[in-house]
Amino acid sequence: MRVHAARAERLAAGDLAGQADCVTARALSALTELLNYAHPFLKNDGRCLFLKGVKADDEMAAARSAGWVFTAKATPSRLPGDGVMLEIHSLSRTPALVATSARKL
């Protein structure tokens, strides 16, 4: 295991793209944004581990609404409170929908 202390955006553009077995973060951002950061790093069979709070279900729904497709397992956190550890597998993103104008032919 290696820890890289640098901005994710910078690292994702380098040799680490598609190399990570696991990406983890704590108290960084909402799940949709975390997936944006994590996805470029993950191997095809990689996973994400994110500690999330009481709104984890809402964040997963928002991520799916933003086009993310994944399988998630939520395990109650051992820390005090109602947090969970989200283990995310099979991460992919559906292509963005393209709006077209309606024209008369």
N, C-alpha and C. Protein backbone atom coordinates (compact mmCIF):
# COMPACT_ATOMS: atom_id res chain seq x y z
N MET A 1 0.84 -1.17 0.00
CA MET A 1 0.00 0.00 0.00
C MET A 1 0.89 1.23 0.00
N ARG A 2 0.49 2.23 -0.79
CA ARG A 2 1.18 3.50 -0.81
C ARG A 2 0.18 4.62 -0.63
N VAL A 3 0.54 5.63 0.13
CA VAL A 3 -0.28 6.81 0.34
C VAL A 3 0.33 7.94 -0.47
N HIS A 4 -0.51 8.65 -1.21
CA HIS A 4 -0.05 9.76 -2.03
C HIS A 4 -0.68 11.05 -1.50
N ALA A 5 0.13 11.94 -1.00
CA ALA A 5 -0.36 13.21 -0.44
C ALA A 5 -0.32 14.28 -1.52
N ALA A 6 -1.35 14.31 -2.34
CA ALA A 6 -1.43 15.29 -3.42
C ALA A 6 -2.89 15.43 -3.83
N ARG A 7 -3.20 16.44 -4.61
CA ARG A 7 -4.55 16.65 -5.10
C ARG A 7 -4.96 15.49 -6.02
N ALA A 8 -6.17 15.00 -5.83
CA ALA A 8 -6.66 13.88 -6.63
C ALA A 8 -6.67 14.21 -8.12
N GLU A 9 -7.05 15.43 -8.45
CA GLU A 9 -7.14 15.82 -9.85
C GLU A 9 -5.78 15.71 -10.54
N ARG A 10 -4.73 16.06 -9.83
CA ARG A 10 -3.38 15.99 -10.41
C ARG A 10 -2.93 14.54 -10.55
N LEU A 11 -3.19 13.75 -9.53
CA LEU A 11 -2.79 12.34 -9.57
C LEU A 11 -3.54 11.56 -10.64
N ALA A 12 -4.81 11.87 -10.85
CA ALA A 12 -5.63 11.13 -11.81
C ALA A 12 -5.14 11.31 -13.24
N ALA A 13 -4.43 12.39 -13.50
CA ALA A 13 -3.93 12.65 -14.85
C ALA A 13 -2.59 11.96 -15.10
N GLY A 14 -2.05 11.29 -14.09
CA GLY A 14 -0.72 10.68 -14.21
C GLY A 14 -0.75 9.17 -14.30
N ASP A 15 0.33 8.58 -13.84
CA ASP A 15 0.53 7.14 -13.94
C ASP A 15 -0.38 6.32 -13.02
N LEU A 16 -1.09 6.95 -12.12
CA LEU A 16 -1.94 6.21 -11.19
C LEU A 16 -3.32 5.88 -11.76
N ALA A 17 -3.67 6.43 -12.90
CA ALA A 17 -4.98 6.19 -13.50
C ALA A 17 -5.17 4.69 -13.73
N GLY A 18 -6.29 4.17 -13.24
CA GLY A 18 -6.63 2.76 -13.43
C GLY A 18 -5.77 1.78 -12.67
N GLN A 19 -5.07 2.24 -11.63
CA GLN A 19 -4.13 1.37 -10.91
C GLN A 19 -4.57 0.98 -9.50
N ALA A 20 -5.59 1.59 -8.95
CA ALA A 20 -5.93 1.38 -7.54
C ALA A 20 -6.89 0.22 -7.32
N ASP A 21 -6.54 -0.61 -6.36
CA ASP A 21 -7.45 -1.67 -5.91
C ASP A 21 -8.54 -1.07 -5.03
N CYS A 22 -8.18 -0.01 -4.29
CA CYS A 22 -9.12 0.61 -3.35
C CYS A 22 -8.83 2.10 -3.24
N VAL A 23 -9.90 2.89 -3.21
CA VAL A 23 -9.80 4.33 -2.96
C VAL A 23 -10.64 4.62 -1.74
N THR A 24 -10.09 5.42 -0.82
CA THR A 24 -10.82 5.75 0.39
C THR A 24 -10.73 7.25 0.67
N ALA A 25 -11.73 7.76 1.36
CA ALA A 25 -11.75 9.17 1.76
C ALA A 25 -12.67 9.29 2.96
N ARG A 26 -12.40 10.32 3.74
CA ARG A 26 -13.24 10.61 4.90
C ARG A 26 -13.43 12.10 5.00
N ALA A 27 -14.69 12.52 5.13
CA ALA A 27 -15.04 13.93 5.33
C ALA A 27 -14.49 14.81 4.21
N LEU A 28 -14.57 14.34 2.98
CA LEU A 28 -14.06 15.11 1.85
C LEU A 28 -15.17 15.81 1.08
N SER A 29 -16.22 15.06 0.74
CA SER A 29 -17.26 15.61 -0.12
C SER A 29 -18.46 14.68 -0.13
N ALA A 30 -19.51 15.13 -0.80
CA ALA A 30 -20.68 14.27 -1.01
C ALA A 30 -20.29 13.11 -1.91
N LEU A 31 -21.04 12.03 -1.85
CA LEU A 31 -20.70 10.81 -2.57
C LEU A 31 -20.56 11.03 -4.08
N THR A 32 -21.43 11.82 -4.68
CA THR A 32 -21.33 12.05 -6.13
C THR A 32 -19.96 12.61 -6.49
N GLU A 33 -19.48 13.57 -5.73
CA GLU A 33 -18.17 14.16 -6.00
C GLU A 33 -17.04 13.18 -5.67
N LEU A 34 -17.19 12.41 -4.61
CA LEU A 34 -16.19 11.40 -4.27
C LEU A 34 -16.02 10.40 -5.42
N LEU A 35 -17.13 10.00 -6.01
CA LEU A 35 -17.05 9.05 -7.12
C LEU A 35 -16.36 9.68 -8.33
N ASN A 36 -16.59 10.97 -8.55
CA ASN A 36 -15.87 11.69 -9.61
C ASN A 36 -14.37 11.64 -9.38
N TYR A 37 -13.95 11.81 -8.15
CA TYR A 37 -12.53 11.76 -7.81
C TYR A 37 -11.97 10.34 -7.92
N ALA A 38 -12.72 9.36 -7.40
CA ALA A 38 -12.22 8.00 -7.27
C ALA A 38 -12.18 7.23 -8.58
N HIS A 39 -13.17 7.39 -9.42
CA HIS A 39 -13.32 6.56 -10.61
C HIS A 39 -12.09 6.50 -11.50
N PRO A 40 -11.40 7.62 -11.77
CA PRO A 40 -10.23 7.52 -12.65
C PRO A 40 -9.10 6.64 -12.10
N PHE A 41 -9.05 6.44 -10.81
CA PHE A 41 -7.98 5.67 -10.19
C PHE A 41 -8.23 4.17 -10.16
N LEU A 42 -9.49 3.76 -10.16
CA LEU A 42 -9.85 2.38 -9.89
C LEU A 42 -9.54 1.42 -11.03
N LYS A 43 -9.05 0.25 -10.65
CA LYS A 43 -8.98 -0.87 -11.58
C LYS A 43 -10.42 -1.30 -11.88
N ASN A 44 -10.62 -2.12 -12.89
CA ASN A 44 -11.97 -2.58 -13.22
C ASN A 44 -12.66 -3.25 -12.05
N ASP A 45 -11.91 -3.99 -11.24
CA ASP A 45 -12.50 -4.68 -10.09
C ASP A 45 -12.21 -3.97 -8.78
N GLY A 46 -11.84 -2.69 -8.85
CA GLY A 46 -11.51 -1.92 -7.65
C GLY A 46 -12.75 -1.57 -6.84
N ARG A 47 -12.51 -1.08 -5.64
CA ARG A 47 -13.61 -0.70 -4.76
C ARG A 47 -13.29 0.60 -4.05
N CYS A 48 -14.32 1.20 -3.51
CA CYS A 48 -14.18 2.43 -2.74
C CYS A 48 -14.66 2.15 -1.32
N LEU A 49 -13.99 2.76 -0.35
CA LEU A 49 -14.41 2.71 1.04
C LEU A 49 -14.57 4.14 1.52
N PHE A 50 -15.80 4.53 1.81
CA PHE A 50 -16.09 5.90 2.24
C PHE A 50 -16.88 5.88 3.53
N LEU A 51 -16.38 6.59 4.54
CA LEU A 51 -17.12 6.76 5.78
C LEU A 51 -18.12 7.89 5.57
N LYS A 52 -19.40 7.58 5.72
CA LYS A 52 -20.45 8.56 5.49
C LYS A 52 -21.34 8.65 6.72
N GLY A 53 -22.10 9.73 6.80
CA GLY A 53 -22.97 9.98 7.94
C GLY A 53 -24.38 9.45 7.76
N VAL A 54 -25.30 10.05 8.49
CA VAL A 54 -26.68 9.59 8.52
C VAL A 54 -27.38 9.74 7.17
N LYS A 55 -26.86 10.57 6.29
CA LYS A 55 -27.49 10.80 4.98
C LYS A 55 -26.89 9.93 3.88
N ALA A 56 -26.27 8.84 4.23
CA ALA A 56 -25.62 7.96 3.25
C ALA A 56 -26.61 7.48 2.18
N ASP A 57 -27.82 7.10 2.59
CA ASP A 57 -28.82 6.64 1.61
C ASP A 57 -29.19 7.75 0.64
N ASP A 58 -29.35 8.97 1.15
CA ASP A 58 -29.66 10.11 0.28
C ASP A 58 -28.51 10.38 -0.69
N GLU A 59 -27.28 10.26 -0.21
CA GLU A 59 -26.12 10.50 -1.07
C GLU A 59 -26.01 9.43 -2.16
N MET A 60 -26.34 8.18 -1.81
CA MET A 60 -26.31 7.13 -2.83
C MET A 60 -27.39 7.38 -3.89
N ALA A 61 -28.57 7.81 -3.46
CA ALA A 61 -29.64 8.11 -4.42
C ALA A 61 -29.23 9.27 -5.33
N ALA A 62 -28.61 10.29 -4.78
CA ALA A 62 -28.16 11.44 -5.59
C ALA A 62 -27.09 11.01 -6.58
N ALA A 63 -26.17 10.15 -6.16
CA ALA A 63 -25.12 9.66 -7.06
C ALA A 63 -25.73 8.86 -8.21
N ARG A 64 -26.69 8.03 -7.90
CA ARG A 64 -27.35 7.25 -8.96
C ARG A 64 -28.12 8.16 -9.90
N SER A 65 -28.74 9.20 -9.37
CA SER A 65 -29.44 10.17 -10.22
C SER A 65 -28.48 10.92 -11.13
N ALA A 66 -27.23 11.05 -10.69
CA ALA A 66 -26.21 11.72 -11.50
C ALA A 66 -25.57 10.78 -12.53
N GLY A 67 -26.07 9.54 -12.60
CA GLY A 67 -25.60 8.61 -13.61
C GLY A 67 -24.62 7.56 -13.13
N TRP A 68 -24.27 7.57 -11.85
CA TRP A 68 -23.35 6.55 -11.33
C TRP A 68 -24.10 5.24 -11.13
N VAL A 69 -23.46 4.15 -11.51
CA VAL A 69 -24.00 2.81 -11.33
C VAL A 69 -23.01 2.06 -10.45
N PHE A 70 -23.50 1.43 -9.39
CA PHE A 70 -22.61 0.74 -8.46
C PHE A 70 -23.40 -0.18 -7.55
N THR A 71 -22.67 -1.08 -6.92
CA THR A 71 -23.20 -1.92 -5.86
C THR A 71 -22.59 -1.41 -4.57
N ALA A 72 -23.40 -1.29 -3.53
CA ALA A 72 -22.89 -0.75 -2.27
C ALA A 72 -23.30 -1.63 -1.10
N LYS A 73 -22.39 -1.75 -0.17
CA LYS A 73 -22.66 -2.43 1.10
C LYS A 73 -22.38 -1.42 2.20
N ALA A 74 -23.37 -1.20 3.07
CA ALA A 74 -23.21 -0.27 4.19
C ALA A 74 -23.03 -1.05 5.47
N THR A 75 -21.92 -0.78 6.16
CA THR A 75 -21.63 -1.41 7.44
C THR A 75 -21.63 -0.33 8.51
N PRO A 76 -22.37 -0.53 9.60
CA PRO A 76 -22.37 0.50 10.65
C PRO A 76 -20.95 0.81 11.12
N SER A 77 -20.70 2.09 11.32
CA SER A 77 -19.40 2.53 11.78
C SER A 77 -19.18 2.11 13.23
N ARG A 78 -17.93 1.88 13.59
CA ARG A 78 -17.60 1.58 14.98
C ARG A 78 -17.47 2.85 15.82
N LEU A 79 -17.46 3.99 15.15
CA LEU A 79 -17.37 5.27 15.84
C LEU A 79 -18.73 5.67 16.37
N PRO A 80 -18.77 6.49 17.41
CA PRO A 80 -20.05 6.95 17.93
C PRO A 80 -20.84 7.70 16.86
N GLY A 81 -22.15 7.55 16.89
CA GLY A 81 -23.01 8.22 15.93
C GLY A 81 -23.67 7.24 14.98
N ASP A 82 -24.26 7.78 13.95
CA ASP A 82 -25.03 6.96 13.02
C ASP A 82 -24.34 6.79 11.68
N GLY A 83 -23.02 6.92 11.63
CA GLY A 83 -22.30 6.79 10.38
C GLY A 83 -22.20 5.36 9.89
N VAL A 84 -21.87 5.22 8.61
CA VAL A 84 -21.69 3.91 7.99
C VAL A 84 -20.43 3.93 7.14
N MET A 85 -19.86 2.76 6.95
CA MET A 85 -18.77 2.59 6.00
C MET A 85 -19.40 2.05 4.73
N LEU A 86 -19.32 2.83 3.65
CA LEU A 86 -19.83 2.37 2.36
C LEU A 86 -18.71 1.68 1.60
N GLU A 87 -18.97 0.46 1.19
CA GLU A 87 -18.05 -0.27 0.33
C GLU A 87 -18.72 -0.33 -1.04
N ILE A 88 -18.12 0.32 -2.01
CA ILE A 88 -18.71 0.45 -3.33
C ILE A 88 -17.91 -0.38 -4.33
N HIS A 89 -18.63 -1.22 -5.09
CA HIS A 89 -18.03 -2.11 -6.10
C HIS A 89 -18.67 -1.81 -7.45
N SER A 90 -18.08 -2.35 -8.50
CA SER A 90 -18.66 -2.32 -9.84
C SER A 90 -19.06 -0.91 -10.25
N LEU A 91 -18.19 0.04 -10.05
CA LEU A 91 -18.48 1.44 -10.31
C LEU A 91 -18.36 1.76 -11.80
N SER A 92 -19.39 2.38 -12.33
CA SER A 92 -19.35 2.87 -13.70
C SER A 92 -20.30 4.06 -13.79
N ARG A 93 -20.25 4.72 -14.92
CA ARG A 93 -21.13 5.87 -15.11
C ARG A 93 -21.82 5.76 -16.45
N THR A 94 -23.11 5.97 -16.44
CA THR A 94 -23.85 5.93 -17.68
C THR A 94 -23.50 7.18 -18.48
N PRO A 95 -23.48 7.07 -19.80
CA PRO A 95 -23.18 8.26 -20.61
C PRO A 95 -24.19 9.36 -20.34
N ALA A 96 -23.74 10.58 -20.40
CA ALA A 96 -24.61 11.73 -20.18
C ALA A 96 -25.68 11.76 -21.27
N LEU A 97 -26.87 12.13 -20.87
CA LEU A 97 -27.93 12.28 -21.85
C LEU A 97 -27.71 13.57 -22.61
N VAL A 98 -27.94 13.53 -23.89
CA VAL A 98 -27.74 14.71 -24.72
C VAL A 98 -29.11 15.22 -25.13
N ALA A 99 -29.37 16.47 -24.79
CA ALA A 99 -30.65 17.08 -25.17
C ALA A 99 -30.59 17.52 -26.62
N THR A 100 -31.66 17.25 -27.34
CA THR A 100 -31.75 17.71 -28.72
C THR A 100 -32.98 18.56 -28.86
N SER A 101 -32.92 19.52 -29.72
CA SER A 101 -34.07 20.40 -29.92
C SER A 101 -35.07 19.71 -30.84
N ALA A 102 -36.32 19.98 -30.61
CA ALA A 102 -37.37 19.45 -31.46
C ALA A 102 -37.53 20.38 -32.66
N ARG A 103 -37.36 19.82 -33.85
CA ARG A 103 -37.50 20.64 -35.06
C ARG A 103 -38.55 20.00 -35.96
N LYS A 104 -39.20 20.86 -36.68
CA LYS A 104 -40.12 20.36 -37.70
C LYS A 104 -39.31 19.91 -38.89
N LEU A 105 -39.65 18.77 -39.42
CA LEU A 105 -38.94 18.27 -40.61
C LEU A 105 -39.66 18.59 -41.85
